[in-house]
């Protein structure tokens, strides 16, 4: 399943723009529930989030407030494992970027992400 999300770039790696660790390169990110271990868990807010459409992801970008100026990334993400549907998207157990669009980053950021994740990366700046 391919859906949309927003990241920030931290030292050449994708990082959630809300919280959580940097996304690993060349392997899927696995969500963990702090109370139940396995995520997503019913009745919890745990899991890796993605929204249904690019338009919803772009609306999230309009609300992003970061403490330091970092490049932002809009992109599609593959979701698998346990996947729960939400109102505007899904929460998944596993995820990996599928294609990325960098905002506010130059060629070095594009190259770093392309090399790290081995996916298509384009600059929208």
PDB file of N, CA and C in Angstrom:
ATOM      1  N   UNK A   1       0.854  -1.169   0.000  1.00  0.00           N
ATOM      2  CA  UNK A   1       0.000   0.000   0.000  1.00  0.00           C
ATOM      3  C   UNK A   1       0.901   1.234   0.000  1.00  0.00           C
ATOM      4  N   UNK A   2       0.682   2.136  -0.938  1.00  0.00           N
ATOM      5  CA  UNK A   2       1.456   3.387  -1.013  1.00  0.00           C
ATOM      6  C   UNK A   2       0.599   4.554  -0.560  1.00  0.00           C
ATOM      7  N   UNK A   3       1.091   5.303   0.388  1.00  0.00           N
ATOM      8  CA  UNK A   3       0.408   6.497   0.882  1.00  0.00           C
ATOM      9  C   UNK A   3       1.424   7.602   1.084  1.00  0.00           C
ATOM     10  N   UNK A   4       0.984   8.754   1.556  1.00  0.00           N
ATOM     11  CA  UNK A   4       1.806   9.967   1.647  1.00  0.00           C
ATOM     12  C   UNK A   4       2.177  10.293   3.071  1.00  0.00           C
ATOM     13  N   UNK A   5       3.386  10.856   3.238  1.00  0.00           N
ATOM     14  CA  UNK A   5       3.817  11.378   4.534  1.00  0.00           C
ATOM     15  C   UNK A   5       4.774  12.542   4.357  1.00  0.00           C
ATOM     16  N   UNK A   6       5.114  13.143   5.484  1.00  0.00           N
ATOM     17  CA  UNK A   6       6.034  14.274   5.533  1.00  0.00           C
ATOM     18  C   UNK A   6       7.159  13.900   6.493  1.00  0.00           C
ATOM     19  N   UNK A   7       8.392  14.252   6.107  1.00  0.00           N
ATOM     20  CA  UNK A   7       9.564  14.044   6.954  1.00  0.00           C
ATOM     21  C   UNK A   7      10.354  15.344   7.014  1.00  0.00           C
ATOM     22  N   UNK A   8      11.334  15.387   7.901  1.00  0.00           N
ATOM     23  CA  UNK A   8      12.394  16.378   7.847  1.00  0.00           C
ATOM     24  C   UNK A   8      13.685  15.605   7.603  1.00  0.00           C
ATOM     25  N   UNK A   9      14.724  16.298   7.193  1.00  0.00           N
ATOM     26  CA  UNK A   9      16.016  15.656   6.949  1.00  0.00           C
ATOM     27  C   UNK A   9      16.936  15.981   8.113  1.00  0.00           C
ATOM     28  N   UNK A  10      17.515  14.933   8.705  1.00  0.00           N
ATOM     29  CA  UNK A  10      18.429  15.066   9.833  1.00  0.00           C
ATOM     30  C   UNK A  10      19.719  14.318   9.490  1.00  0.00           C
ATOM     31  N   UNK A  11      20.800  15.075   9.235  1.00  0.00           N
ATOM     32  CA  UNK A  11      22.105  14.501   8.894  1.00  0.00           C
ATOM     33  C   UNK A  11      22.005  13.480   7.754  1.00  0.00           C
ATOM     34  N   UNK A  12      21.303  13.848   6.699  1.00  0.00           N
ATOM     35  CA  UNK A  12      21.213  13.008   5.516  1.00  0.00           C
ATOM     36  C   UNK A  12      20.265  11.835   5.609  1.00  0.00           C
ATOM     37  N   UNK A  13      19.450  11.783   6.647  1.00  0.00           N
ATOM     38  CA  UNK A  13      18.477  10.713   6.833  1.00  0.00           C
ATOM     39  C   UNK A  13      17.090  11.307   7.058  1.00  0.00           C
ATOM     40  N   UNK A  14      16.083  10.521   6.747  1.00  0.00           N
ATOM     41  CA  UNK A  14      14.709  10.934   7.019  1.00  0.00           C
ATOM     42  C   UNK A  14      14.421  10.833   8.507  1.00  0.00           C
ATOM     43  N   UNK A  15      13.674  11.788   9.004  1.00  0.00           N
ATOM     44  CA  UNK A  15      13.229  11.782  10.398  1.00  0.00           C
ATOM     45  C   UNK A  15      11.789  12.264  10.426  1.00  0.00           C
ATOM     46  N   UNK A  16      11.006  11.691  11.311  1.00  0.00           N
ATOM     47  CA  UNK A  16       9.638  12.153  11.471  1.00  0.00           C
ATOM     48  C   UNK A  16       9.652  13.628  11.825  1.00  0.00           C
ATOM     49  N   UNK A  17       8.701  14.388  11.331  1.00  0.00           N
ATOM     50  CA  UNK A  17       8.671  15.816  11.664  1.00  0.00           C
ATOM     51  C   UNK A  17       7.947  16.057  12.972  1.00  0.00           C
ATOM     52  N   UNK A  18       7.377  15.012  13.578  1.00  0.00           N
ATOM     53  CA  UNK A  18       6.710  15.190  14.862  1.00  0.00           C
ATOM     54  C   UNK A  18       7.506  14.596  16.015  1.00  0.00           C
ATOM     55  N   UNK A  19       8.009  13.373  15.858  1.00  0.00           N
ATOM     56  CA  UNK A  19       8.800  12.712  16.899  1.00  0.00           C
ATOM     57  C   UNK A  19       9.334  11.404  16.359  1.00  0.00           C
ATOM     58  N   UNK A  20      10.166  10.778  17.157  1.00  0.00           N
ATOM     59  CA  UNK A  20      10.675   9.471  16.779  1.00  0.00           C
ATOM     60  C   UNK A  20      12.072   9.513  16.201  1.00  0.00           C
ATOM     61  N   UNK A  21      12.639   8.345  15.989  1.00  0.00           N
ATOM     62  CA  UNK A  21      14.023   8.250  15.517  1.00  0.00           C
ATOM     63  C   UNK A  21      14.133   8.524  14.024  1.00  0.00           C
ATOM     64  N   UNK A  22      15.386   8.637  13.584  1.00  0.00           N
ATOM     65  CA  UNK A  22      15.621   8.718  12.142  1.00  0.00           C
ATOM     66  C   UNK A  22      15.238   7.380  11.516  1.00  0.00           C
ATOM     67  N   UNK A  23      14.777   7.433  10.284  1.00  0.00           N
ATOM     68  CA  UNK A  23      14.393   6.220   9.575  1.00  0.00           C
ATOM     69  C   UNK A  23      15.638   5.474   9.117  1.00  0.00           C
ATOM     70  N   UNK A  24      15.685   4.160   9.331  1.00  0.00           N
ATOM     71  CA  UNK A  24      16.863   3.408   8.891  1.00  0.00           C
ATOM     72  C   UNK A  24      16.929   3.351   7.367  1.00  0.00           C
ATOM     73  N   UNK A  25      18.146   3.290   6.845  1.00  0.00           N
ATOM     74  CA  UNK A  25      18.352   3.158   5.406  1.00  0.00           C
ATOM     75  C   UNK A  25      18.427   1.678   5.043  1.00  0.00           C
ATOM     76  N   UNK A  26      17.885   1.347   3.881  1.00  0.00           N
ATOM     77  CA  UNK A  26      17.954   0.004   3.311  1.00  0.00           C
ATOM     78  C   UNK A  26      17.206  -1.056   4.114  1.00  0.00           C
ATOM     79  N   UNK A  27      16.323  -0.642   5.019  1.00  0.00           N
ATOM     80  CA  UNK A  27      15.477  -1.594   5.739  1.00  0.00           C
ATOM     81  C   UNK A  27      14.229  -0.866   6.228  1.00  0.00           C
ATOM     82  N   UNK A  28      13.165  -1.608   6.407  1.00  0.00           N
ATOM     83  CA  UNK A  28      11.921  -1.000   6.846  1.00  0.00           C
ATOM     84  C   UNK A  28      11.983  -0.519   8.281  1.00  0.00           C
ATOM     85  N   UNK A  29      11.258   0.543   8.547  1.00  0.00           N
ATOM     86  CA  UNK A  29      11.098   1.040   9.910  1.00  0.00           C
ATOM     87  C   UNK A  29       9.985   0.234  10.558  1.00  0.00           C
ATOM     88  N   UNK A  30      10.202  -0.232  11.772  1.00  0.00           N
ATOM     89  CA  UNK A  30       9.181  -0.975  12.501  1.00  0.00           C
ATOM     90  C   UNK A  30       8.690  -0.136  13.674  1.00  0.00           C
ATOM     91  N   UNK A  31       7.376   0.004  13.778  1.00  0.00           N
ATOM     92  CA  UNK A  31       6.774   0.749  14.887  1.00  0.00           C
ATOM     93  C   UNK A  31       6.689  -0.148  16.117  1.00  0.00           C
ATOM     94  N   UNK A  32       6.821   0.470  17.277  1.00  0.00           N
ATOM     95  CA  UNK A  32       6.680  -0.232  18.552  1.00  0.00           C
ATOM     96  C   UNK A  32       5.722   0.542  19.438  1.00  0.00           C
ATOM     97  N   UNK A  33       4.813  -0.177  20.057  1.00  0.00           N
ATOM     98  CA  UNK A  33       3.891   0.431  21.015  1.00  0.00           C
ATOM     99  C   UNK A  33       4.561   0.417  22.385  1.00  0.00           C
ATOM    100  N   UNK A  34       4.658   1.572  23.053  1.00  0.00           N
ATOM    101  CA  UNK A  34       5.318   1.595  24.363  1.00  0.00           C
ATOM    102  C   UNK A  34       4.590   0.764  25.419  1.00  0.00           C
ATOM    103  N   UNK A  35       3.295   0.508  25.231  1.00  0.00           N
ATOM    104  CA  UNK A  35       2.531  -0.268  26.216  1.00  0.00           C
ATOM    105  C   UNK A  35       2.359  -1.729  25.825  1.00  0.00           C
ATOM    106  N   UNK A  36       2.189  -1.994  24.539  1.00  0.00           N
ATOM    107  CA  UNK A  36       1.905  -3.363  24.089  1.00  0.00           C
ATOM    108  C   UNK A  36       3.038  -3.993  23.293  1.00  0.00           C
ATOM    109  N   UNK A  37       4.038  -3.221  22.935  1.00  0.00           N
ATOM    110  CA  UNK A  37       5.151  -3.751  22.144  1.00  0.00           C
ATOM    111  C   UNK A  37       4.857  -3.739  20.661  1.00  0.00           C
ATOM    112  N   UNK A  38       3.957  -4.578  20.234  1.00  0.00           N
ATOM    113  CA  UNK A  38       3.617  -4.674  18.811  1.00  0.00           C
ATOM    114  C   UNK A  38       2.688  -3.535  18.421  1.00  0.00           C
ATOM    115  N   UNK A  39       3.004  -2.888  17.318  1.00  0.00           N
ATOM    116  CA  UNK A  39       2.200  -1.745  16.867  1.00  0.00           C
ATOM    117  C   UNK A  39       1.777  -1.986  15.414  1.00  0.00           C
ATOM    118  N   UNK A  40       0.716  -1.369  14.983  1.00  0.00           N
ATOM    119  CA  UNK A  40      -0.188  -0.552  15.791  1.00  0.00           C
ATOM    120  C   UNK A  40      -1.080  -1.421  16.664  1.00  0.00           C
ATOM    121  N   UNK A  41      -1.517  -0.864  17.767  1.00  0.00           N
ATOM    122  CA  UNK A  41      -2.399  -1.559  18.696  1.00  0.00           C
ATOM    123  C   UNK A  41      -3.768  -0.892  18.680  1.00  0.00           C
ATOM    124  N   UNK A  42      -4.800  -1.698  18.737  1.00  0.00           N
ATOM    125  CA  UNK A  42      -6.169  -1.177  18.762  1.00  0.00           C
ATOM    126  C   UNK A  42      -6.358  -0.302  19.997  1.00  0.00           C
ATOM    127  N   UNK A  43      -7.022   0.826  19.818  1.00  0.00           N
ATOM    128  CA  UNK A  43      -7.284   1.733  20.923  1.00  0.00           C
ATOM    129  C   UNK A  43      -6.102   2.601  21.311  1.00  0.00           C
ATOM    130  N   UNK A  44      -5.000   2.509  20.574  1.00  0.00           N
ATOM    131  CA  UNK A  44      -3.809   3.319  20.838  1.00  0.00           C
ATOM    132  C   UNK A  44      -3.570   4.240  19.647  1.00  0.00           C
ATOM    133  N   UNK A  45      -2.604   5.146  19.801  1.00  0.00           N
ATOM    134  CA  UNK A  45      -2.237   6.033  18.692  1.00  0.00           C
ATOM    135  C   UNK A  45      -0.883   5.653  18.099  1.00  0.00           C
ATOM    136  N   UNK A  46      -0.381   4.480  18.439  1.00  0.00           N
ATOM    137  CA  UNK A  46       0.941   4.049  17.983  1.00  0.00           C
ATOM    138  C   UNK A  46       0.893   3.594  16.517  1.00  0.00           C
ATOM    139  N   UNK A  47       2.048   3.539  15.920  1.00  0.00           N
ATOM    140  CA  UNK A  47       2.169   3.098  14.536  1.00  0.00           C
ATOM    141  C   UNK A  47       2.806   4.172  13.677  1.00  0.00           C
ATOM    142  N   UNK A  48       3.110   3.800  12.447  1.00  0.00           N
ATOM    143  CA  UNK A  48       3.696   4.727  11.486  1.00  0.00           C
ATOM    144  C   UNK A  48       2.550   5.300  10.663  1.00  0.00           C
ATOM    145  N   UNK A  49       2.404   6.605  10.705  1.00  0.00           N
ATOM    146  CA  UNK A  49       1.269   7.270  10.078  1.00  0.00           C
ATOM    147  C   UNK A  49       1.545   7.630   8.618  1.00  0.00           C
ATOM    148  N   UNK A  50       0.518   7.545   7.812  1.00  0.00           N
ATOM    149  CA  UNK A  50       0.550   8.028   6.433  1.00  0.00           C
ATOM    150  C   UNK A  50      -0.866   8.472   6.074  1.00  0.00           C
ATOM    151  N   UNK A  51      -0.959   9.501   5.239  1.00  0.00           N
ATOM    152  CA  UNK A  51      -2.271  10.027   4.856  1.00  0.00           C
ATOM    153  C   UNK A  51      -2.647   9.547   3.452  1.00  0.00           C
ATOM    154  N   UNK A  52      -3.931   9.669   3.139  1.00  0.00           N
ATOM    155  CA  UNK A  52      -4.484   9.131   1.899  1.00  0.00           C
ATOM    156  C   UNK A  52      -3.975   9.802   0.629  1.00  0.00           C
ATOM    157  N   UNK A  53      -3.819  11.114   0.662  1.00  0.00           N
ATOM    158  CA  UNK A  53      -3.544  11.851  -0.574  1.00  0.00           C
ATOM    159  C   UNK A  53      -2.381  12.820  -0.411  1.00  0.00           C
ATOM    160  N   UNK A  54      -1.825  13.212  -1.539  1.00  0.00           N
ATOM    161  CA  UNK A  54      -0.767  14.216  -1.534  1.00  0.00           C
ATOM    162  C   UNK A  54      -1.303  15.540  -0.985  1.00  0.00           C
ATOM    163  N   UNK A  55      -2.545  15.869  -1.310  1.00  0.00           N
ATOM    164  CA  UNK A  55      -3.136  17.122  -0.838  1.00  0.00           C
ATOM    165  C   UNK A  55      -3.172  17.173   0.692  1.00  0.00           C
ATOM    166  N   UNK A  56      -3.513  16.055   1.339  1.00  0.00           N
ATOM    167  CA  UNK A  56      -3.518  16.027   2.808  1.00  0.00           C
ATOM    168  C   UNK A  56      -2.103  16.195   3.361  1.00  0.00           C
ATOM    169  N   UNK A  57      -1.126  15.572   2.723  1.00  0.00           N
ATOM    170  CA  UNK A  57       0.267  15.726   3.157  1.00  0.00           C
ATOM    171  C   UNK A  57       0.727  17.167   2.978  1.00  0.00           C
ATOM    172  N   UNK A  58       0.328  17.808   1.880  1.00  0.00           N
ATOM    173  CA  UNK A  58       0.703  19.204   1.653  1.00  0.00           C
ATOM    174  C   UNK A  58       0.070  20.124   2.694  1.00  0.00           C
ATOM    175  N   UNK A  59      -1.134  19.804   3.149  1.00  0.00           N
ATOM    176  CA  UNK A  59      -1.749  20.588   4.217  1.00  0.00           C
ATOM    177  C   UNK A  59      -0.949  20.465   5.506  1.00  0.00           C
ATOM    178  N   UNK A  60      -0.426  19.262   5.779  1.00  0.00           N
ATOM    179  CA  UNK A  60       0.437  19.083   6.952  1.00  0.00           C
ATOM    180  C   UNK A  60       1.681  19.944   6.840  1.00  0.00           C
ATOM    181  N   UNK A  61       2.256  20.013   5.640  1.00  0.00           N
ATOM    182  CA  UNK A  61       3.442  20.844   5.428  1.00  0.00           C
ATOM    183  C   UNK A  61       3.182  22.300   5.790  1.00  0.00           C
ATOM    184  N   UNK A  62       1.998  22.777   5.502  1.00  0.00           N
ATOM    185  CA  UNK A  62       1.661  24.169   5.790  1.00  0.00           C
ATOM    186  C   UNK A  62       1.660  24.445   7.298  1.00  0.00           C
ATOM    187  N   UNK A  63       1.467  23.384   8.111  1.00  0.00           N
ATOM    188  CA  UNK A  63       1.404  23.538   9.564  1.00  0.00           C
ATOM    189  C   UNK A  63       2.715  23.210  10.275  1.00  0.00           C
ATOM    190  N   UNK A  64       3.732  22.771   9.541  1.00  0.00           N
ATOM    191  CA  UNK A  64       4.985  22.347  10.159  1.00  0.00           C
ATOM    192  C   UNK A  64       5.714  23.540  10.772  1.00  0.00           C
ATOM    193  N   UNK A  65       6.111  23.390  12.023  1.00  0.00           N
ATOM    194  CA  UNK A  65       6.927  24.388  12.712  1.00  0.00           C
ATOM    195  C   UNK A  65       8.111  23.645  13.313  1.00  0.00           C
ATOM    196  N   UNK A  66       9.279  23.814  12.753  1.00  0.00           N
ATOM    197  CA  UNK A  66      10.467  23.115  13.222  1.00  0.00           C
ATOM    198  C   UNK A  66      11.354  24.052  14.028  1.00  0.00           C
ATOM    199  N   UNK A  67      12.074  23.522  15.032  1.00  0.00           N
ATOM    200  CA  UNK A  67      12.942  24.368  15.846  1.00  0.00           C
ATOM    201  C   UNK A  67      14.143  24.905  15.074  1.00  0.00           C
ATOM    202  N   UNK A  68      14.629  24.179  14.093  1.00  0.00           N
ATOM    203  CA  UNK A  68      15.781  24.625  13.302  1.00  0.00           C
ATOM    204  C   UNK A  68      15.439  24.460  11.823  1.00  0.00           C
ATOM    205  N   UNK A  69      15.987  25.303  10.966  1.00  0.00           N
ATOM    206  CA  UNK A  69      15.677  25.172   9.543  1.00  0.00           C
ATOM    207  C   UNK A  69      16.305  23.911   8.959  1.00  0.00           C
ATOM    208  N   UNK A  70      15.476  22.954   8.645  1.00  0.00           N
ATOM    209  CA  UNK A  70      15.908  21.705   8.022  1.00  0.00           C
ATOM    210  C   UNK A  70      15.084  21.487   6.773  1.00  0.00           C
ATOM    211  N   UNK A  71      15.663  20.827   5.782  1.00  0.00           N
ATOM    212  CA  UNK A  71      14.854  20.512   4.599  1.00  0.00           C
ATOM    213  C   UNK A  71      13.682  19.609   4.983  1.00  0.00           C
ATOM    214  N   UNK A  72      12.561  19.829   4.329  1.00  0.00           N
ATOM    215  CA  UNK A  72      11.383  18.981   4.502  1.00  0.00           C
ATOM    216  C   UNK A  72      11.235  18.094   3.283  1.00  0.00           C
ATOM    217  N   UNK A  73      10.603  16.958   3.473  1.00  0.00           N
ATOM    218  CA  UNK A  73      10.405  15.993   2.399  1.00  0.00           C
ATOM    219  C   UNK A  73       8.945  15.566   2.387  1.00  0.00           C
ATOM    220  N   UNK A  74       8.370  15.586   1.215  1.00  0.00           N
ATOM    221  CA  UNK A  74       7.039  15.066   0.961  1.00  0.00           C
ATOM    222  C   UNK A  74       7.258  13.803   0.151  1.00  0.00           C
ATOM    223  N   UNK A  75       6.554  12.732   0.457  1.00  0.00           N
ATOM    224  CA  UNK A  75       6.789  11.531  -0.333  1.00  0.00           C
ATOM    225  C   UNK A  75       5.770  10.445  -0.098  1.00  0.00           C
ATOM    226  N   UNK A  76       5.876   9.441  -0.970  1.00  0.00           N
ATOM    227  CA  UNK A  76       5.031   8.262  -0.812  1.00  0.00           C
ATOM    228  C   UNK A  76       5.826   7.218  -0.043  1.00  0.00           C
ATOM    229  N   UNK A  77       5.106   6.448   0.756  1.00  0.00           N
ATOM    230  CA  UNK A  77       5.701   5.453   1.624  1.00  0.00           C
ATOM    231  C   UNK A  77       4.947   4.136   1.451  1.00  0.00           C
ATOM    232  N   UNK A  78       5.681   3.029   1.461  1.00  0.00           N
ATOM    233  CA  UNK A  78       5.077   1.691   1.437  1.00  0.00           C
ATOM    234  C   UNK A  78       4.751   1.291   2.868  1.00  0.00           C
ATOM    235  N   UNK A  79       3.544   0.797   3.090  1.00  0.00           N
ATOM    236  CA  UNK A  79       3.100   0.341   4.405  1.00  0.00           C
ATOM    237  C   UNK A  79       2.790  -1.148   4.342  1.00  0.00           C
ATOM    238  N   UNK A  80       3.164  -1.888   5.397  1.00  0.00           N
ATOM    239  CA  UNK A  80       2.811  -3.307   5.430  1.00  0.00           C
ATOM    240  C   UNK A  80       2.811  -3.812   6.871  1.00  0.00           C
ATOM    241  N   UNK A  81       2.495  -5.097   7.028  1.00  0.00           N
ATOM    242  CA  UNK A  81       2.344  -5.691   8.350  1.00  0.00           C
ATOM    243  C   UNK A  81       0.940  -5.402   8.861  1.00  0.00           C
ATOM    244  N   UNK A  82       0.826  -5.144  10.148  1.00  0.00           N
ATOM    245  CA  UNK A  82      -0.473  -4.748  10.716  1.00  0.00           C
ATOM    246  C   UNK A  82      -0.744  -3.308  10.282  1.00  0.00           C
ATOM    247  N   UNK A  83      -1.874  -3.087   9.635  1.00  0.00           N
ATOM    248  CA  UNK A  83      -2.225  -1.750   9.156  1.00  0.00           C
ATOM    249  C   UNK A  83      -3.650  -1.460   9.596  1.00  0.00           C
ATOM    250  N   UNK A  84      -3.825  -0.342  10.312  1.00  0.00           N
ATOM    251  CA  UNK A  84      -5.152   0.089  10.752  1.00  0.00           C
ATOM    252  C   UNK A  84      -5.544   1.337   9.972  1.00  0.00           C
ATOM    253  N   UNK A  85      -6.778   1.361   9.506  1.00  0.00           N
ATOM    254  CA  UNK A  85      -7.277   2.539   8.800  1.00  0.00           C
ATOM    255  C   UNK A  85      -7.742   3.590   9.799  1.00  0.00           C
ATOM    256  N   UNK A  86      -7.387   4.847   9.518  1.00  0.00           N
ATOM    257  CA  UNK A  86      -7.826   6.001  10.299  1.00  0.00           C
ATOM    258  C   UNK A  86      -8.732   6.858   9.424  1.00  0.00           C
ATOM    259  N   UNK A  87      -9.172   7.975   9.938  1.00  0.00           N
ATOM    260  CA  UNK A  87     -10.051   8.865   9.179  1.00  0.00           C
ATOM    261  C   UNK A  87      -9.396   9.365   7.903  1.00  0.00           C
ATOM    262  N   UNK A  88      -8.180   9.872   7.992  1.00  0.00           N
ATOM    263  CA  UNK A  88      -7.510  10.447   6.821  1.00  0.00           C
ATOM    264  C   UNK A  88      -6.360   9.600   6.291  1.00  0.00           C
ATOM    265  N   UNK A  89      -6.201   8.392   6.802  1.00  0.00           N
ATOM    266  CA  UNK A  89      -5.088   7.570   6.341  1.00  0.00           C
ATOM    267  C   UNK A  89      -4.973   6.280   7.111  1.00  0.00           C
ATOM    268  N   UNK A  90      -3.721   5.909   7.421  1.00  0.00           N
ATOM    269  CA  UNK A  90      -3.449   4.630   8.060  1.00  0.00           C
ATOM    270  C   UNK A  90      -2.348   4.749   9.093  1.00  0.00           C
ATOM    271  N   UNK A  91      -2.288   3.731   9.978  1.00  0.00           N
ATOM    272  CA  UNK A  91      -1.179   3.510  10.904  1.00  0.00           C
ATOM    273  C   UNK A  91      -0.673   2.106  10.618  1.00  0.00           C
ATOM    274  N   UNK A  92       0.630   1.962  10.444  1.00  0.00           N
ATOM    275  CA  UNK A  92       1.179   0.676  10.042  1.00  0.00           C
ATOM    276  C   UNK A  92       2.260   0.181  10.999  1.00  0.00           C
ATOM    277  N   UNK A  93       2.517  -1.118  10.897  1.00  0.00           N
ATOM    278  CA  UNK A  93       3.596  -1.744  11.660  1.00  0.00           C
ATOM    279  C   UNK A  93       4.950  -1.472  11.009  1.00  0.00           C
ATOM    280  N   UNK A  94       5.012  -1.575   9.671  1.00  0.00           N
ATOM    281  CA  UNK A  94       6.256  -1.373   8.936  1.00  0.00           C
ATOM    282  C   UNK A  94       6.061  -0.333   7.836  1.00  0.00           C
ATOM    283  N   UNK A  95       7.146   0.374   7.497  1.00  0.00           N
ATOM    284  CA  UNK A  95       7.088   1.343   6.398  1.00  0.00           C
ATOM    285  C   UNK A  95       8.486   1.547   5.822  1.00  0.00           C
ATOM    286  N   UNK A  96       8.503   1.947   4.535  1.00  0.00           N
ATOM    287  CA  UNK A  96       9.757   2.307   3.867  1.00  0.00           C
ATOM    288  C   UNK A  96       9.430   3.332   2.790  1.00  0.00           C
ATOM    289  N   UNK A  97      10.268   4.357   2.621  1.00  0.00           N
ATOM    290  CA  UNK A  97       9.981   5.363   1.590  1.00  0.00           C
ATOM    291  C   UNK A  97       9.982   4.752   0.194  1.00  0.00           C
ATOM    292  N   UNK A  98       9.091   5.250  -0.651  1.00  0.00           N
ATOM    293  CA  UNK A  98       8.972   4.772  -2.024  1.00  0.00           C
ATOM    294  C   UNK A  98       9.514   5.800  -3.021  1.00  0.00           C
ATOM    295  N   UNK A  99       9.103   7.059  -2.858  1.00  0.00           N
ATOM    296  CA  UNK A  99       9.652   8.163  -3.652  1.00  0.00           C
ATOM    297  C   UNK A  99       9.563   9.426  -2.811  1.00  0.00           C
ATOM    298  N   UNK A 100      10.558  10.318  -2.999  1.00  0.00           N
ATOM    299  CA  UNK A 100      10.691  11.484  -2.137  1.00  0.00           C
ATOM    300  C   UNK A 100      10.824  12.764  -2.953  1.00  0.00           C
ATOM    301  N   UNK A 101      10.234  13.847  -2.425  1.00  0.00           N
ATOM    302  CA  UNK A 101      10.302  15.172  -3.033  1.00  0.00           C
ATOM    303  C   UNK A 101      10.825  16.128  -1.959  1.00  0.00           C
ATOM    304  N   UNK A 102      12.040  16.636  -2.173  1.00  0.00           N
ATOM    305  CA  UNK A 102      12.718  17.464  -1.177  1.00  0.00           C
ATOM    306  C   UNK A 102      12.339  18.927  -1.372  1.00  0.00           C
ATOM    307  N   UNK A 103      11.986  19.583  -0.264  1.00  0.00           N
ATOM    308  CA  UNK A 103      11.642  21.012  -0.248  1.00  0.00           C
ATOM    309  C   UNK A 103      12.683  21.730   0.600  1.00  0.00           C
ATOM    310  N   UNK A 104      13.350  22.696   0.039  1.00  0.00           N
ATOM    311  CA  UNK A 104      14.294  23.477   0.816  1.00  0.00           C
ATOM    312  C   UNK A 104      15.654  22.834   0.997  1.00  0.00           C
ATOM    313  N   UNK A 105      15.961  21.835   0.219  1.00  0.00           N
ATOM    314  CA  UNK A 105      17.280  21.210   0.289  1.00  0.00           C
ATOM    315  C   UNK A 105      17.914  21.219  -1.082  1.00  0.00           C
ATOM    316  N   UNK A 106      19.204  21.312  -1.131  1.00  0.00           N
ATOM    317  CA  UNK A 106      19.905  21.354  -2.401  1.00  0.00           C
ATOM    318  C   UNK A 106      20.270  19.973  -2.907  1.00  0.00           C
ATOM    319  N   UNK A 107      21.151  19.972  -3.900  1.00  0.00           N
ATOM    320  CA  UNK A 107      21.576  18.735  -4.525  1.00  0.00           C
ATOM    321  C   UNK A 107      22.237  17.755  -3.578  1.00  0.00           C
ATOM    322  N   UNK A 108      22.945  18.266  -2.569  1.00  0.00           N
ATOM    323  CA  UNK A 108      23.603  17.377  -1.603  1.00  0.00           C
ATOM    324  C   UNK A 108      22.570  16.588  -0.806  1.00  0.00           C
ATOM    325  N   UNK A 109      21.469  17.230  -0.438  1.00  0.00           N
ATOM    326  CA  UNK A 109      20.409  16.543   0.298  1.00  0.00           C
ATOM    327  C   UNK A 109      19.759  15.486  -0.577  1.00  0.00           C
ATOM    328  N   UNK A 110      19.478  15.840  -1.823  1.00  0.00           N
ATOM    329  CA  UNK A 110      18.872  14.878  -2.767  1.00  0.00           C
ATOM    330  C   UNK A 110      19.785  13.667  -2.924  1.00  0.00           C
ATOM    331  N   UNK A 111      21.073  13.899  -3.147  1.00  0.00           N
ATOM    332  CA  UNK A 111      22.019  12.794  -3.328  1.00  0.00           C
ATOM    333  C   UNK A 111      22.128  11.931  -2.073  1.00  0.00           C
ATOM    334  N   UNK A 112      22.188  12.572  -0.909  1.00  0.00           N
ATOM    335  CA  UNK A 112      22.304  11.823   0.350  1.00  0.00           C
ATOM    336  C   UNK A 112      21.101  10.906   0.559  1.00  0.00           C
ATOM    337  N   UNK A 113      19.902  11.414   0.308  1.00  0.00           N
ATOM    338  CA  UNK A 113      18.703  10.593   0.482  1.00  0.00           C
ATOM    339  C   UNK A 113      18.635   9.486  -0.561  1.00  0.00           C
ATOM    340  N   UNK A 114      18.983   9.807  -1.802  1.00  0.00           N
ATOM    341  CA  UNK A 114      18.976   8.794  -2.864  1.00  0.00           C
ATOM    342  C   UNK A 114      19.964   7.676  -2.540  1.00  0.00           C
ATOM    343  N   UNK A 115      21.156   8.043  -2.101  1.00  0.00           N
ATOM    344  CA  UNK A 115      22.166   7.037  -1.760  1.00  0.00           C
ATOM    345  C   UNK A 115      21.758   6.202  -0.544  1.00  0.00           C
ATOM    346  N   UNK A 116      21.188   6.850   0.450  1.00  0.00           N
ATOM    347  CA  UNK A 116      20.828   6.150   1.688  1.00  0.00           C
ATOM    348  C   UNK A 116      19.666   5.184   1.493  1.00  0.00           C
ATOM    349  N   UNK A 117      18.618   5.635   0.793  1.00  0.00           N
ATOM    350  CA  UNK A 117      17.379   4.852   0.726  1.00  0.00           C
ATOM    351  C   UNK A 117      17.170   4.107  -0.595  1.00  0.00           C
ATOM    352  N   UNK A 118      18.000   4.419  -1.594  1.00  0.00           N
ATOM    353  CA  UNK A 118      17.909   3.756  -2.914  1.00  0.00           C
ATOM    354  C   UNK A 118      16.506   3.870  -3.512  1.00  0.00           C
ATOM    355  N   UNK A 119      15.946   5.089  -3.455  1.00  0.00           N
ATOM    356  CA  UNK A 119      14.643   5.378  -4.058  1.00  0.00           C
ATOM    357  C   UNK A 119      14.771   6.642  -4.903  1.00  0.00           C
ATOM    358  N   UNK A 120      13.763   6.918  -5.725  1.00  0.00           N
ATOM    359  CA  UNK A 120      13.753   8.147  -6.513  1.00  0.00           C
ATOM    360  C   UNK A 120      13.596   9.346  -5.581  1.00  0.00           C
ATOM    361  N   UNK A 121      14.449  10.351  -5.779  1.00  0.00           N
ATOM    362  CA  UNK A 121      14.421  11.574  -4.972  1.00  0.00           C
ATOM    363  C   UNK A 121      14.543  12.756  -5.923  1.00  0.00           C
ATOM    364  N   UNK A 122      13.590  13.680  -5.838  1.00  0.00           N
ATOM    365  CA  UNK A 122      13.602  14.892  -6.663  1.00  0.00           C
ATOM    366  C   UNK A 122      13.557  16.113  -5.776  1.00  0.00           C
ATOM    367  N   UNK A 123      14.149  17.205  -6.254  1.00  0.00           N
ATOM    368  CA  UNK A 123      14.102  18.474  -5.541  1.00  0.00           C
ATOM    369  C   UNK A 123      12.922  19.289  -6.067  1.00  0.00           C
ATOM    370  N   UNK A 124      12.122  19.837  -5.151  1.00  0.00           N
ATOM    371  CA  UNK A 124      11.018  20.734  -5.522  1.00  0.00           C
ATOM    372  C   UNK A 124      11.359  22.172  -5.210  1.00  0.00           C
ATOM    373  N   UNK A 125      12.598  22.466  -4.814  1.00  0.00           N
ATOM    374  CA  UNK A 125      12.999  23.843  -4.488  1.00  0.00           C
ATOM    375  C   UNK A 125      13.336  24.599  -5.731  1.00  0.00           C
TER     376      UNK A 125
END
